[in-house]
């Protein structure tokens, strides 16, 4: 398993570096072309929301500065980091958030994994030998990219519905405040009921992050004979984004995702096989009833996610309270986590 982790990490690094480079180059070229336009005009789409519903810079800029200072003030004493280091992590997260929004808006994919790895490489230079700072910096950058991407999708949905951006912004603030409490409560609940990492929650991505932090800070070692395979896999992963960029939109689906292959290497089958089953069900439904699939597929999938989530919370609560399984008939040995 450790051997596969290194190959997976090499694939993710190569795919992330090339994909981010191509996207950055595309954005730069579009900017240059706009500035060199013969008419020297920049076309601007007017916001359909009236001025009193728009979010002005007087609103978001002070909030951004306050949140950045608060993040720095919390992370610095919590992880024993000089204030400059979390400040750099926050600044980097702001920069990569722009890239994440652009990538998500164009491709429906947020390259958060690659952004986190790039941040870890950066902090190997900023704070060499400090594994904790490396992990914190990667987490801050990835969190910024995720938050920016989610907010972009929310605002885009509101834009289509002609909703008030200011009302959405206020709702985001309320949701953020509530999530600060809910996340801590959820972690406390699950960590008291299960061993994390453990058999039921192995947290495989955490191993990738830790191995990456050790390697870039000189504290890790490669598995036996893994380097040639990792280099070969990384080379293949680096070529795929170029191939995809050269194909027309109608043929891009033929290029496999190197990131998906890398994730499949360290995620256990009990997580990947249900995704395969869901993909096959989606394909069959679209072939059998395209209109029904277009209308109800997301609703059905959301129901599965919601149902499992609520049941998982209830299960963790019962386990934390010491309630054991009353009956587990017909389960194969080891299939039901609560069975003896």
C-alpha atoms as a PDB file:
ATOM      1  CA  UNK A   1       0.000   0.000   0.000  1.00  0.00           C
ATOM      2  CA  UNK A   2       2.866   2.391   0.789  1.00  0.00           C
ATOM      3  CA  UNK A   3       4.331   1.639  -2.624  1.00  0.00           C
ATOM      4  CA  UNK A   4       1.066   2.609  -4.335  1.00  0.00           C
ATOM      5  CA  UNK A   5       0.874   5.831  -2.327  1.00  0.00           C
ATOM      6  CA  UNK A   6       4.137   7.085  -3.833  1.00  0.00           C
ATOM      7  CA  UNK A   7       3.045   6.239  -7.381  1.00  0.00           C
ATOM      8  CA  UNK A   8      -0.285   7.954  -6.732  1.00  0.00           C
ATOM      9  CA  UNK A   9       1.464  11.038  -5.354  1.00  0.00           C
ATOM     10  CA  UNK A  10       3.733  11.235  -8.418  1.00  0.00           C
ATOM     11  CA  UNK A  11       0.711  11.080 -10.742  1.00  0.00           C
ATOM     12  CA  UNK A  12      -1.148  13.786  -8.823  1.00  0.00           C
ATOM     13  CA  UNK A  13       1.883  16.095  -8.773  1.00  0.00           C
ATOM     14  CA  UNK A  14       2.530  15.709 -12.501  1.00  0.00           C
ATOM     15  CA  UNK A  15      -1.119  16.112 -13.474  1.00  0.00           C
ATOM     16  CA  UNK A  16      -1.587  19.092 -11.148  1.00  0.00           C
ATOM     17  CA  UNK A  17       1.561  20.889 -12.292  1.00  0.00           C
ATOM     18  CA  UNK A  18       0.802  20.504 -16.001  1.00  0.00           C
ATOM     19  CA  UNK A  19      -2.927  21.249 -15.678  1.00  0.00           C
ATOM     20  CA  UNK A  20      -2.325  24.367 -13.599  1.00  0.00           C
ATOM     21  CA  UNK A  21       0.391  25.530 -16.012  1.00  0.00           C
ATOM     22  CA  UNK A  22      -1.871  25.081 -19.033  1.00  0.00           C
ATOM     23  CA  UNK A  23      -4.736  26.892 -17.330  1.00  0.00           C
ATOM     24  CA  UNK A  24      -2.462  29.767 -16.249  1.00  0.00           C
ATOM     25  CA  UNK A  25      -1.097  30.063 -19.770  1.00  0.00           C
ATOM     26  CA  UNK A  26      -4.616  30.116 -21.196  1.00  0.00           C
ATOM     27  CA  UNK A  27      -5.704  32.884 -18.824  1.00  0.00           C
ATOM     28  CA  UNK A  28      -2.552  34.893 -19.627  1.00  0.00           C
ATOM     29  CA  UNK A  29      -3.050  34.562 -23.377  1.00  0.00           C
ATOM     30  CA  UNK A  30      -6.676  35.649 -23.117  1.00  0.00           C
ATOM     31  CA  UNK A  31      -5.622  38.682 -21.094  1.00  0.00           C
ATOM     32  CA  UNK A  32      -2.947  39.626 -23.638  1.00  0.00           C
ATOM     33  CA  UNK A  33      -5.381  39.260 -26.533  1.00  0.00           C
ATOM     34  CA  UNK A  34      -7.939  41.435 -24.776  1.00  0.00           C
ATOM     35  CA  UNK A  35      -5.358  44.156 -24.149  1.00  0.00           C
ATOM     36  CA  UNK A  36      -4.186  44.012 -27.778  1.00  0.00           C
ATOM     37  CA  UNK A  37      -7.684  44.274 -29.216  1.00  0.00           C
ATOM     38  CA  UNK A  38      -7.751  46.607 -32.186  1.00  0.00           C
ATOM     39  CA  UNK A  39     -10.649  48.593 -30.779  1.00  0.00           C
ATOM     40  CA  UNK A  40      -9.007  48.798 -27.336  1.00  0.00           C
ATOM     41  CA  UNK A  41     -12.340  47.991 -25.757  1.00  0.00           C
ATOM     42  CA  UNK A  42     -13.124  45.564 -23.016  1.00  0.00           C
ATOM     43  CA  UNK A  43     -16.593  44.098 -23.301  1.00  0.00           C
ATOM     44  CA  UNK A  44     -18.279  44.005 -19.959  1.00  0.00           C
ATOM     45  CA  UNK A  45     -21.476  42.190 -19.107  1.00  0.00           C
ATOM     46  CA  UNK A  46     -23.695  44.299 -16.925  1.00  0.00           C
ATOM     47  CA  UNK A  47     -24.877  42.788 -13.662  1.00  0.00           C
ATOM     48  CA  UNK A  48     -28.671  42.410 -13.892  1.00  0.00           C
ATOM     49  CA  UNK A  49     -29.015  43.061 -10.154  1.00  0.00           C
ATOM     50  CA  UNK A  50     -29.849  46.666  -9.196  1.00  0.00           C
ATOM     51  CA  UNK A  51     -27.079  48.634  -7.463  1.00  0.00           C
ATOM     52  CA  UNK A  52     -28.635  48.310  -4.005  1.00  0.00           C
ATOM     53  CA  UNK A  53     -28.444  44.484  -4.286  1.00  0.00           C
ATOM     54  CA  UNK A  54     -24.841  44.291  -5.462  1.00  0.00           C
ATOM     55  CA  UNK A  55     -21.828  43.549  -3.256  1.00  0.00           C
ATOM     56  CA  UNK A  56     -19.529  46.578  -3.305  1.00  0.00           C
ATOM     57  CA  UNK A  57     -15.834  46.604  -2.516  1.00  0.00           C
ATOM     58  CA  UNK A  58     -16.608  48.539   0.659  1.00  0.00           C
ATOM     59  CA  UNK A  59     -18.292  45.346   1.854  1.00  0.00           C
ATOM     60  CA  UNK A  60     -15.990  42.543   0.749  1.00  0.00           C
ATOM     61  CA  UNK A  61     -12.572  44.213   1.076  1.00  0.00           C
ATOM     62  CA  UNK A  62     -12.769  44.980   4.836  1.00  0.00           C
ATOM     63  CA  UNK A  63     -14.186  41.505   5.376  1.00  0.00           C
ATOM     64  CA  UNK A  64     -11.324  39.936   3.458  1.00  0.00           C
ATOM     65  CA  UNK A  65      -8.717  41.862   5.443  1.00  0.00           C
ATOM     66  CA  UNK A  66     -10.404  41.053   8.761  1.00  0.00           C
ATOM     67  CA  UNK A  67     -10.724  37.344   7.931  1.00  0.00           C
ATOM     68  CA  UNK A  68      -7.084  37.203   6.820  1.00  0.00           C
ATOM     69  CA  UNK A  69      -5.880  38.801  10.043  1.00  0.00           C
ATOM     70  CA  UNK A  70      -8.112  36.531  12.115  1.00  0.00           C
ATOM     71  CA  UNK A  71      -6.838  33.426  10.322  1.00  0.00           C
ATOM     72  CA  UNK A  72      -3.227  34.496  10.875  1.00  0.00           C
ATOM     73  CA  UNK A  73      -3.870  35.317  14.524  1.00  0.00           C
ATOM     74  CA  UNK A  74      -5.426  31.884  15.155  1.00  0.00           C
ATOM     75  CA  UNK A  75      -2.983  29.706  13.203  1.00  0.00           C
ATOM     76  CA  UNK A  76       0.193  31.333  14.493  1.00  0.00           C
ATOM     77  CA  UNK A  77      -0.145  30.400  18.206  1.00  0.00           C
ATOM     78  CA  UNK A  78      -2.115  27.212  17.528  1.00  0.00           C
ATOM     79  CA  UNK A  79       0.641  25.602  15.454  1.00  0.00           C
ATOM     80  CA  UNK A  80       3.596  27.556  16.869  1.00  0.00           C
ATOM     81  CA  UNK A  81       4.280  29.324  13.563  1.00  0.00           C
ATOM     82  CA  UNK A  82       5.805  32.780  13.074  1.00  0.00           C
ATOM     83  CA  UNK A  83       3.002  35.193  12.036  1.00  0.00           C
ATOM     84  CA  UNK A  84       4.622  35.687   8.632  1.00  0.00           C
ATOM     85  CA  UNK A  85       4.116  32.039   7.640  1.00  0.00           C
ATOM     86  CA  UNK A  86       0.305  31.837   8.034  1.00  0.00           C
ATOM     87  CA  UNK A  87       0.092  35.290   6.451  1.00  0.00           C
ATOM     88  CA  UNK A  88       1.928  33.961   3.381  1.00  0.00           C
ATOM     89  CA  UNK A  89      -0.373  30.918   3.324  1.00  0.00           C
ATOM     90  CA  UNK A  90      -3.449  33.156   3.383  1.00  0.00           C
ATOM     91  CA  UNK A  91      -2.043  35.392   0.624  1.00  0.00           C
ATOM     92  CA  UNK A  92      -1.254  32.365  -1.526  1.00  0.00           C
ATOM     93  CA  UNK A  93      -4.759  30.984  -0.951  1.00  0.00           C
ATOM     94  CA  UNK A  94      -6.225  34.263  -2.247  1.00  0.00           C
ATOM     95  CA  UNK A  95      -4.148  34.011  -5.419  1.00  0.00           C
ATOM     96  CA  UNK A  96      -4.961  30.375  -6.138  1.00  0.00           C
ATOM     97  CA  UNK A  97      -8.643  30.977  -5.366  1.00  0.00           C
ATOM     98  CA  UNK A  98      -8.825  33.053  -8.561  1.00  0.00           C
ATOM     99  CA  UNK A  99      -7.354  30.137 -10.499  1.00  0.00           C
ATOM    100  CA  UNK A 100      -9.740  27.682  -8.824  1.00  0.00           C
ATOM    101  CA  UNK A 101     -12.784  29.779  -9.726  1.00  0.00           C
ATOM    102  CA  UNK A 102     -11.656  30.037 -13.337  1.00  0.00           C
ATOM    103  CA  UNK A 103     -11.000  26.292 -13.613  1.00  0.00           C
ATOM    104  CA  UNK A 104     -14.288  25.356 -11.949  1.00  0.00           C
ATOM    105  CA  UNK A 105     -16.253  27.785 -14.090  1.00  0.00           C
ATOM    106  CA  UNK A 106     -14.789  26.470 -17.337  1.00  0.00           C
ATOM    107  CA  UNK A 107     -14.459  22.744 -16.649  1.00  0.00           C
ATOM    108  CA  UNK A 108     -16.715  22.050 -13.620  1.00  0.00           C
ATOM    109  CA  UNK A 109     -13.613  20.677 -11.871  1.00  0.00           C
ATOM    110  CA  UNK A 110     -11.867  22.461  -9.009  1.00  0.00           C
ATOM    111  CA  UNK A 111      -8.142  21.520  -8.963  1.00  0.00           C
ATOM    112  CA  UNK A 112      -7.959  21.684  -5.155  1.00  0.00           C
ATOM    113  CA  UNK A 113      -5.647  18.684  -4.831  1.00  0.00           C
ATOM    114  CA  UNK A 114      -3.063  20.214  -7.134  1.00  0.00           C
ATOM    115  CA  UNK A 115      -3.367  23.584  -5.425  1.00  0.00           C
ATOM    116  CA  UNK A 116      -2.683  21.987  -2.051  1.00  0.00           C
ATOM    117  CA  UNK A 117       0.406  20.183  -3.377  1.00  0.00           C
ATOM    118  CA  UNK A 118       1.771  23.362  -4.977  1.00  0.00           C
ATOM    119  CA  UNK A 119       1.312  25.150  -1.653  1.00  0.00           C
ATOM    120  CA  UNK A 120       3.252  22.385   0.105  1.00  0.00           C
ATOM    121  CA  UNK A 121       6.122  22.783  -2.348  1.00  0.00           C
ATOM    122  CA  UNK A 122       6.089  26.555  -1.802  1.00  0.00           C
ATOM    123  CA  UNK A 123       6.244  26.157   1.962  1.00  0.00           C
ATOM    124  CA  UNK A 124       9.147  23.753   1.714  1.00  0.00           C
ATOM    125  CA  UNK A 125      11.030  26.903   0.644  1.00  0.00           C
ATOM    126  CA  UNK A 126       9.331  29.334   3.028  1.00  0.00           C
ATOM    127  CA  UNK A 127       9.706  27.101   6.096  1.00  0.00           C
ATOM    128  CA  UNK A 128      12.107  24.239   5.311  1.00  0.00           C
ATOM    129  CA  UNK A 129      11.977  21.254   7.602  1.00  0.00           C
ATOM    130  CA  UNK A 130       8.706  22.303   9.248  1.00  0.00           C
ATOM    131  CA  UNK A 131       6.210  19.546   8.447  1.00  0.00           C
ATOM    132  CA  UNK A 132       3.397  21.053  10.507  1.00  0.00           C
ATOM    133  CA  UNK A 133       3.671  24.413   8.750  1.00  0.00           C
ATOM    134  CA  UNK A 134       3.733  22.591   5.422  1.00  0.00           C
ATOM    135  CA  UNK A 135       0.498  20.775   6.185  1.00  0.00           C
ATOM    136  CA  UNK A 136      -1.203  23.927   7.501  1.00  0.00           C
ATOM    137  CA  UNK A 137      -0.201  25.934   4.425  1.00  0.00           C
ATOM    138  CA  UNK A 138      -1.558  23.265   2.097  1.00  0.00           C
ATOM    139  CA  UNK A 139      -4.804  23.100   4.057  1.00  0.00           C
ATOM    140  CA  UNK A 140      -5.266  26.879   3.955  1.00  0.00           C
ATOM    141  CA  UNK A 141      -4.665  27.036   0.199  1.00  0.00           C
ATOM    142  CA  UNK A 142      -7.004  24.128  -0.503  1.00  0.00           C
ATOM    143  CA  UNK A 143      -9.692  25.523   1.801  1.00  0.00           C
ATOM    144  CA  UNK A 144      -9.502  28.868   0.009  1.00  0.00           C
ATOM    145  CA  UNK A 145      -9.885  27.192  -3.371  1.00  0.00           C
ATOM    146  CA  UNK A 146     -12.832  25.080  -2.190  1.00  0.00           C
ATOM    147  CA  UNK A 147     -14.604  28.045  -0.582  1.00  0.00           C
ATOM    148  CA  UNK A 148     -14.104  30.271  -3.614  1.00  0.00           C
ATOM    149  CA  UNK A 149     -15.336  27.594  -5.989  1.00  0.00           C
ATOM    150  CA  UNK A 150     -18.434  26.834  -3.929  1.00  0.00           C
ATOM    151  CA  UNK A 151     -19.302  30.517  -3.617  1.00  0.00           C
ATOM    152  CA  UNK A 152     -18.878  31.005  -7.353  1.00  0.00           C
ATOM    153  CA  UNK A 153     -21.340  28.204  -8.066  1.00  0.00           C
ATOM    154  CA  UNK A 154     -23.821  29.572  -5.521  1.00  0.00           C
ATOM    155  CA  UNK A 155     -23.651  33.071  -6.955  1.00  0.00           C
ATOM    156  CA  UNK A 156     -23.955  31.727 -10.493  1.00  0.00           C
ATOM    157  CA  UNK A 157     -27.111  29.844  -9.514  1.00  0.00           C
ATOM    158  CA  UNK A 158     -28.475  33.018  -7.914  1.00  0.00           C
ATOM    159  CA  UNK A 159     -27.569  34.957 -11.050  1.00  0.00           C
ATOM    160  CA  UNK A 160     -29.638  32.566 -13.160  1.00  0.00           C
ATOM    161  CA  UNK A 161     -32.557  32.910 -10.753  1.00  0.00           C
ATOM    162  CA  UNK A 162     -32.175  36.706 -10.555  1.00  0.00           C
ATOM    163  CA  UNK A 163     -31.622  36.465  -6.786  1.00  0.00           C
ATOM    164  CA  UNK A 164     -30.083  39.300  -4.819  1.00  0.00           C
ATOM    165  CA  UNK A 165     -26.271  38.914  -4.565  1.00  0.00           C
ATOM    166  CA  UNK A 166     -26.288  40.839  -1.284  1.00  0.00           C
ATOM    167  CA  UNK A 167     -28.868  38.463   0.202  1.00  0.00           C
ATOM    168  CA  UNK A 168     -26.785  35.497  -0.928  1.00  0.00           C
ATOM    169  CA  UNK A 169     -23.695  37.085   0.599  1.00  0.00           C
ATOM    170  CA  UNK A 170     -25.437  37.511   3.947  1.00  0.00           C
ATOM    171  CA  UNK A 171     -26.691  33.925   3.771  1.00  0.00           C
ATOM    172  CA  UNK A 172     -23.121  32.762   3.125  1.00  0.00           C
ATOM    173  CA  UNK A 173     -21.945  34.582   6.256  1.00  0.00           C
ATOM    174  CA  UNK A 174     -24.706  32.994   8.337  1.00  0.00           C
ATOM    175  CA  UNK A 175     -23.893  29.567   6.938  1.00  0.00           C
ATOM    176  CA  UNK A 176     -20.181  30.043   7.593  1.00  0.00           C
ATOM    177  CA  UNK A 177     -20.816  30.994  11.219  1.00  0.00           C
ATOM    178  CA  UNK A 178     -23.080  27.978  11.700  1.00  0.00           C
ATOM    179  CA  UNK A 179     -20.629  25.620  10.010  1.00  0.00           C
ATOM    180  CA  UNK A 180     -17.852  26.621  12.427  1.00  0.00           C
ATOM    181  CA  UNK A 181     -19.942  25.080  15.199  1.00  0.00           C
ATOM    182  CA  UNK A 182     -21.254  22.146  13.176  1.00  0.00           C
ATOM    183  CA  UNK A 183     -17.840  21.051  11.911  1.00  0.00           C
ATOM    184  CA  UNK A 184     -16.356  20.963  15.405  1.00  0.00           C
ATOM    185  CA  UNK A 185     -19.419  19.115  16.717  1.00  0.00           C
ATOM    186  CA  UNK A 186     -19.284  16.570  13.878  1.00  0.00           C
ATOM    187  CA  UNK A 187     -15.562  15.944  14.417  1.00  0.00           C
ATOM    188  CA  UNK A 188     -16.075  15.522  18.151  1.00  0.00           C
ATOM    189  CA  UNK A 189     -18.910  13.072  17.536  1.00  0.00           C
ATOM    190  CA  UNK A 190     -17.093  10.920  14.997  1.00  0.00           C
ATOM    191  CA  UNK A 191     -13.718  10.947  16.772  1.00  0.00           C
ATOM    192  CA  UNK A 192     -15.413   9.792  19.975  1.00  0.00           C
ATOM    193  CA  UNK A 193     -17.227   6.969  18.169  1.00  0.00           C
ATOM    194  CA  UNK A 194     -14.509   5.791  15.789  1.00  0.00           C
ATOM    195  CA  UNK A 195     -10.741   5.592  15.606  1.00  0.00           C
ATOM    196  CA  UNK A 196      -9.509   8.150  13.060  1.00  0.00           C
ATOM    197  CA  UNK A 197      -7.561   7.020  11.148  1.00  0.00           C
ATOM    198  CA  UNK A 198      -8.779   3.492  11.639  1.00  0.00           C
ATOM    199  CA  UNK A 199     -10.419   0.543   9.889  1.00  0.00           C
ATOM    200  CA  UNK A 200     -13.706   2.355   9.254  1.00  0.00           C
ATOM    201  CA  UNK A 201     -12.257   5.828   8.575  1.00  0.00           C
ATOM    202  CA  UNK A 202      -8.748   5.288   7.195  1.00  0.00           C
ATOM    203  CA  UNK A 203      -8.417   8.898   5.947  1.00  0.00           C
ATOM    204  CA  UNK A 204      -6.258   7.879   2.954  1.00  0.00           C
ATOM    205  CA  UNK A 205      -5.803  11.432   1.704  1.00  0.00           C
ATOM    206  CA  UNK A 206      -4.151  12.346   4.991  1.00  0.00           C
ATOM    207  CA  UNK A 207      -1.400   9.817   4.231  1.00  0.00           C
ATOM    208  CA  UNK A 208      -0.791  11.480   0.869  1.00  0.00           C
ATOM    209  CA  UNK A 209      -0.499  14.900   2.500  1.00  0.00           C
ATOM    210  CA  UNK A 210       1.840  13.619   5.209  1.00  0.00           C
ATOM    211  CA  UNK A 211       4.080  11.767   2.755  1.00  0.00           C
ATOM    212  CA  UNK A 212       4.225  14.859   0.554  1.00  0.00           C
ATOM    213  CA  UNK A 213       5.183  17.054   3.512  1.00  0.00           C
ATOM    214  CA  UNK A 214       7.932  14.635   4.538  1.00  0.00           C
ATOM    215  CA  UNK A 215       9.384  14.362   1.034  1.00  0.00           C
ATOM    216  CA  UNK A 216       9.549  18.088   0.275  1.00  0.00           C
ATOM    217  CA  UNK A 217      11.084  18.731   3.703  1.00  0.00           C
ATOM    218  CA  UNK A 218      13.705  16.004   3.404  1.00  0.00           C
ATOM    219  CA  UNK A 219      12.272  13.798   6.124  1.00  0.00           C
ATOM    220  CA  UNK A 220      10.704  11.038   4.068  1.00  0.00           C
ATOM    221  CA  UNK A 221      12.020   8.067   2.176  1.00  0.00           C
ATOM    222  CA  UNK A 222      10.733   6.367  -0.933  1.00  0.00           C
ATOM    223  CA  UNK A 223       9.466   2.814  -0.936  1.00  0.00           C
ATOM    224  CA  UNK A 224      11.767   0.136  -2.362  1.00  0.00           C
ATOM    225  CA  UNK A 225      12.178   0.317  -6.157  1.00  0.00           C
ATOM    226  CA  UNK A 226       9.244   2.719  -6.495  1.00  0.00           C
ATOM    227  CA  UNK A 227      11.150   5.589  -8.137  1.00  0.00           C
ATOM    228  CA  UNK A 228      11.266   4.223 -11.743  1.00  0.00           C
ATOM    229  CA  UNK A 229       7.572   3.353 -11.660  1.00  0.00           C
ATOM    230  CA  UNK A 230       6.681   6.719 -10.130  1.00  0.00           C
ATOM    231  CA  UNK A 231       8.670   8.584 -12.791  1.00  0.00           C
ATOM    232  CA  UNK A 232       7.037   6.590 -15.599  1.00  0.00           C
ATOM    233  CA  UNK A 233       3.549   7.121 -14.191  1.00  0.00           C
ATOM    234  CA  UNK A 234       4.232  10.841 -13.730  1.00  0.00           C
ATOM    235  CA  UNK A 235       5.421  11.127 -17.338  1.00  0.00           C
ATOM    236  CA  UNK A 236       2.211   9.554 -18.626  1.00  0.00           C
ATOM    237  CA  UNK A 237       0.123  11.784 -16.349  1.00  0.00           C
ATOM    238  CA  UNK A 238       1.974  14.864 -17.624  1.00  0.00           C
ATOM    239  CA  UNK A 239       1.192  14.038 -21.262  1.00  0.00           C
ATOM    240  CA  UNK A 240      -2.549  13.532 -20.804  1.00  0.00           C
ATOM    241  CA  UNK A 241      -3.437  17.223 -20.165  1.00  0.00           C
ATOM    242  CA  UNK A 242      -1.617  18.199 -23.376  1.00  0.00           C
ATOM    243  CA  UNK A 243      -3.542  15.558 -25.314  1.00  0.00           C
ATOM    244  CA  UNK A 244      -6.836  16.770 -23.844  1.00  0.00           C
ATOM    245  CA  UNK A 245      -6.005  20.401 -24.670  1.00  0.00           C
ATOM    246  CA  UNK A 246      -5.381  19.508 -28.329  1.00  0.00           C
ATOM    247  CA  UNK A 247      -8.660  17.653 -28.803  1.00  0.00           C
ATOM    248  CA  UNK A 248     -11.986  19.290 -29.712  1.00  0.00           C
ATOM    249  CA  UNK A 249     -14.585  19.556 -26.965  1.00  0.00           C
ATOM    250  CA  UNK A 250     -16.585  16.659 -28.370  1.00  0.00           C
ATOM    251  CA  UNK A 251     -13.613  14.295 -27.985  1.00  0.00           C
ATOM    252  CA  UNK A 252     -12.121  15.391 -24.670  1.00  0.00           C
ATOM    253  CA  UNK A 253     -14.055  12.679 -22.841  1.00  0.00           C
ATOM    254  CA  UNK A 254     -11.850  10.046 -24.498  1.00  0.00           C
ATOM    255  CA  UNK A 255      -8.831  11.159 -22.428  1.00  0.00           C
ATOM    256  CA  UNK A 256      -8.748   9.383 -19.039  1.00  0.00           C
ATOM    257  CA  UNK A 257      -8.319  11.434 -15.893  1.00  0.00           C
ATOM    258  CA  UNK A 258      -4.906  10.907 -14.320  1.00  0.00           C
ATOM    259  CA  UNK A 259      -6.165  12.419 -11.065  1.00  0.00           C
ATOM    260  CA  UNK A 260      -9.025   9.921 -10.902  1.00  0.00           C
ATOM    261  CA  UNK A 261      -6.604   7.042 -11.503  1.00  0.00           C
ATOM    262  CA  UNK A 262      -4.332   8.318  -8.740  1.00  0.00           C
ATOM    263  CA  UNK A 263      -7.220   8.604  -6.287  1.00  0.00           C
ATOM    264  CA  UNK A 264      -8.324   5.084  -7.164  1.00  0.00           C
ATOM    265  CA  UNK A 265      -4.911   3.765  -6.142  1.00  0.00           C
ATOM    266  CA  UNK A 266      -5.187   4.697  -2.486  1.00  0.00           C
ATOM    267  CA  UNK A 267      -8.958   4.747  -1.929  1.00  0.00           C
ATOM    268  CA  UNK A 268     -10.229   1.318  -0.919  1.00  0.00           C
ATOM    269  CA  UNK A 269     -12.711  -0.590  -3.144  1.00  0.00           C
ATOM    270  CA  UNK A 270     -15.625  -0.054  -0.763  1.00  0.00           C
ATOM    271  CA  UNK A 271     -15.475   3.626  -1.797  1.00  0.00           C
ATOM    272  CA  UNK A 272     -14.693   3.267  -5.503  1.00  0.00           C
ATOM    273  CA  UNK A 273     -17.056   0.410  -6.419  1.00  0.00           C
ATOM    274  CA  UNK A 274     -20.231   2.295  -5.370  1.00  0.00           C
ATOM    275  CA  UNK A 275     -19.099   5.156  -7.608  1.00  0.00           C
ATOM    276  CA  UNK A 276     -18.746   2.737 -10.507  1.00  0.00           C
ATOM    277  CA  UNK A 277     -22.226   1.365  -9.784  1.00  0.00           C
ATOM    278  CA  UNK A 278     -23.628   4.899  -9.649  1.00  0.00           C
ATOM    279  CA  UNK A 279     -21.982   5.800 -12.947  1.00  0.00           C
ATOM    280  CA  UNK A 280     -23.391   2.702 -14.640  1.00  0.00           C
ATOM    281  CA  UNK A 281     -26.855   3.434 -13.239  1.00  0.00           C
ATOM    282  CA  UNK A 282     -26.639   6.999 -14.518  1.00  0.00           C
ATOM    283  CA  UNK A 283     -25.594   5.793 -17.976  1.00  0.00           C
ATOM    284  CA  UNK A 284     -28.395   3.213 -18.125  1.00  0.00           C
ATOM    285  CA  UNK A 285     -30.994   5.727 -16.975  1.00  0.00           C
ATOM    286  CA  UNK A 286     -29.921   8.260 -19.596  1.00  0.00           C
ATOM    287  CA  UNK A 287     -30.143   5.622 -22.317  1.00  0.00           C
ATOM    288  CA  UNK A 288     -33.557   4.377 -21.142  1.00  0.00           C
ATOM    289  CA  UNK A 289     -35.201   7.699 -20.247  1.00  0.00           C
ATOM    290  CA  UNK A 290     -33.072  10.766 -21.121  1.00  0.00           C
ATOM    291  CA  UNK A 291     -35.727  13.263 -20.089  1.00  0.00           C
ATOM    292  CA  UNK A 292     -36.375  11.586 -16.747  1.00  0.00           C
ATOM    293  CA  UNK A 293     -32.657  11.299 -16.032  1.00  0.00           C
ATOM    294  CA  UNK A 294     -32.146  14.968 -16.801  1.00  0.00           C
ATOM    295  CA  UNK A 295     -34.965  15.929 -14.444  1.00  0.00           C
ATOM    296  CA  UNK A 296     -34.580  13.513 -11.524  1.00  0.00           C
ATOM    297  CA  UNK A 297     -31.013  12.110 -11.512  1.00  0.00           C
ATOM    298  CA  UNK A 298     -29.530  14.845  -9.315  1.00  0.00           C
ATOM    299  CA  UNK A 299     -32.493  14.615  -6.942  1.00  0.00           C
ATOM    300  CA  UNK A 300     -32.122  10.852  -6.552  1.00  0.00           C
ATOM    301  CA  UNK A 301     -28.360  11.092  -6.095  1.00  0.00           C
ATOM    302  CA  UNK A 302     -28.819  13.843  -3.500  1.00  0.00           C
ATOM    303  CA  UNK A 303     -31.262  11.599  -1.662  1.00  0.00           C
ATOM    304  CA  UNK A 304     -28.676   8.824  -1.460  1.00  0.00           C
ATOM    305  CA  UNK A 305     -26.070  11.233  -0.105  1.00  0.00           C
ATOM    306  CA  UNK A 306     -28.468  12.773   2.413  1.00  0.00           C
ATOM    307  CA  UNK A 307     -29.789   9.419   3.578  1.00  0.00           C
ATOM    308  CA  UNK A 308     -26.350   7.952   4.148  1.00  0.00           C
ATOM    309  CA  UNK A 309     -25.165  11.105   5.897  1.00  0.00           C
ATOM    310  CA  UNK A 310     -28.083  11.226   8.322  1.00  0.00           C
ATOM    311  CA  UNK A 311     -27.808   7.513   9.059  1.00  0.00           C
ATOM    312  CA  UNK A 312     -24.084   7.855   9.616  1.00  0.00           C
ATOM    313  CA  UNK A 313     -24.647  10.649  12.143  1.00  0.00           C
ATOM    314  CA  UNK A 314     -27.261   8.576  13.951  1.00  0.00           C
ATOM    315  CA  UNK A 315     -24.962   5.551  13.954  1.00  0.00           C
ATOM    316  CA  UNK A 316     -22.061   7.588  15.352  1.00  0.00           C
ATOM    317  CA  UNK A 317     -24.322   9.042  18.047  1.00  0.00           C
ATOM    318  CA  UNK A 318     -25.524   5.590  19.109  1.00  0.00           C
ATOM    319  CA  UNK A 319     -21.997   4.247  19.165  1.00  0.00           C
ATOM    320  CA  UNK A 320     -20.773   7.194  21.242  1.00  0.00           C
ATOM    321  CA  UNK A 321     -23.613   6.519  23.692  1.00  0.00           C
ATOM    322  CA  UNK A 322     -22.506   2.910  24.019  1.00  0.00           C
ATOM    323  CA  UNK A 323     -25.536   1.433  22.255  1.00  0.00           C
ATOM    324  CA  UNK A 324     -24.470  -1.876  20.731  1.00  0.00           C
ATOM    325  CA  UNK A 325     -26.013  -3.685  17.803  1.00  0.00           C
ATOM    326  CA  UNK A 326     -29.087  -5.655  18.795  1.00  0.00           C
ATOM    327  CA  UNK A 327     -29.231  -7.889  15.752  1.00  0.00           C
ATOM    328  CA  UNK A 328     -27.273  -8.211  12.557  1.00  0.00           C
ATOM    329  CA  UNK A 329     -28.739 -11.197  10.772  1.00  0.00           C
ATOM    330  CA  UNK A 330     -27.377 -12.428   7.506  1.00  0.00           C
ATOM    331  CA  UNK A 331     -24.214 -10.277   7.416  1.00  0.00           C
ATOM    332  CA  UNK A 332     -20.966 -11.849   6.190  1.00  0.00           C
ATOM    333  CA  UNK A 333     -18.257 -11.782   8.833  1.00  0.00           C
ATOM    334  CA  UNK A 334     -16.752  -8.296   9.088  1.00  0.00           C
ATOM    335  CA  UNK A 335     -19.276  -6.691   6.746  1.00  0.00           C
ATOM    336  CA  UNK A 336     -21.305  -4.837   9.374  1.00  0.00           C
ATOM    337  CA  UNK A 337     -19.013  -2.646  11.431  1.00  0.00           C
ATOM    338  CA  UNK A 338     -21.005  -3.159  14.621  1.00  0.00           C
ATOM    339  CA  UNK A 339     -21.223  -6.938  14.440  1.00  0.00           C
ATOM    340  CA  UNK A 340     -19.002  -9.006  16.740  1.00  0.00           C
END
